[in-house]
Structures are given as structure tokens and as C-alpha cells.
């Protein structure tokens, strides 16, 4: 079987290209641009609900967000999943670990977990390794897959962990049979969101 086309429009193509051409986190301006564009494009802006953590009169992205990311191990977390070309039960703990690390970092910066932004940010850096989490996709996968079937993996983000397990099961058991080929995380996301 081959992968089914998952083209999702020029805007997403630009975000993928941005992260492909500037994958590292070594430049404040590039970090600001990536976090800003991905967050705002996907209704997951990092400043949302971060009020108490934002310093009065400062530039939150440039003064707080980007330096924290620059001084983190984010490039190692992203590199740890670089060999994943398809998320499976054999490799998904690496995915959950990278997501948990970025969620923890975002919580340090903002005071909130930002699991949706973490999944989206990581997805654009490693498109085949991360399912895209948000409240709509999570609600839809729960409708399709019995929520009592999956327990979250201890030590990781509970909601993202059970979401990933449901996505793998749904993709492998139903979705790829429906579409007659292999599905990328992007293709599954488009189906869950009704695109």
C-alpha cells in the first residue's frame, strides 16, 4: 500500500517548509517566527492564558518564549523521533516523551500545559511522528473509538497519550481500509476535522 495524498493547502505547505529549512532552535528571530506562525495559524497561540507569566511592557515572544526554547533541549527531543516514518505501538513512547518535554517547557514559560501547541509545533518539525491534537480532533476520535478502551501511559501527558493510542488503533483498524492506502498524521487530522 502507498500513502494517500495529504496535501492540506498552501498555508500548511509554508509552515512545513519553514520548519524544514530552519529545523534548529539556534536563532531568536527564527524561534519567534515559528512559534508565532504555528500557534496563531492553529488557534493555539502561546500567549493565550499566559497572562500572569507575561512581563508588563515586554515582548513576550522575544524576551521570554524564544530564550527559554533556545536554552532547552528541544533539538534533541525533535531529533529523538527523526527516524519515525510511521507512528506505531513500537515507537510511540518516543513520541510521547518528546511531546511531554515540550509541554513541560511551555508550562514553565506560560503556566499552562499547551498540549495542543506542543503537538502542532512538533508535527511541523517531524510530520510523520506526531498526530495533531486539539479539542475537536480529540472529541472526534473519542466518538469513533470507545474511550474506556485506552488508558494513558504513566509519565507522559495523559490526554495526548490516550489520543495517540486511539489514533493508531483507528488508523490501522478502520481509516486506512476506508481510504485504500496508508495515512499520514496530516491525512488523519483532515478526516477528524472534516476536511
Foldseek 3Di string as FASTA:
>chain_A
DAEDDLDDDDLLVVLLVLCVVVVDLADLVSQLVNQQSLCVVVVLRLQVQLVVLDDPPDDLSRPFVSVLRNPDPLVVLLVQCQPQQADDPVPLVSVQVSLQRVQVSSCVRRVHRSSQSSQRSSCSNPVQRGAHDDPQLLVQLCVVDPQVVDFADPPGPGSRRRSVVSVNCCQVPPVCVVVVHHYGSSNSVCVSVVD
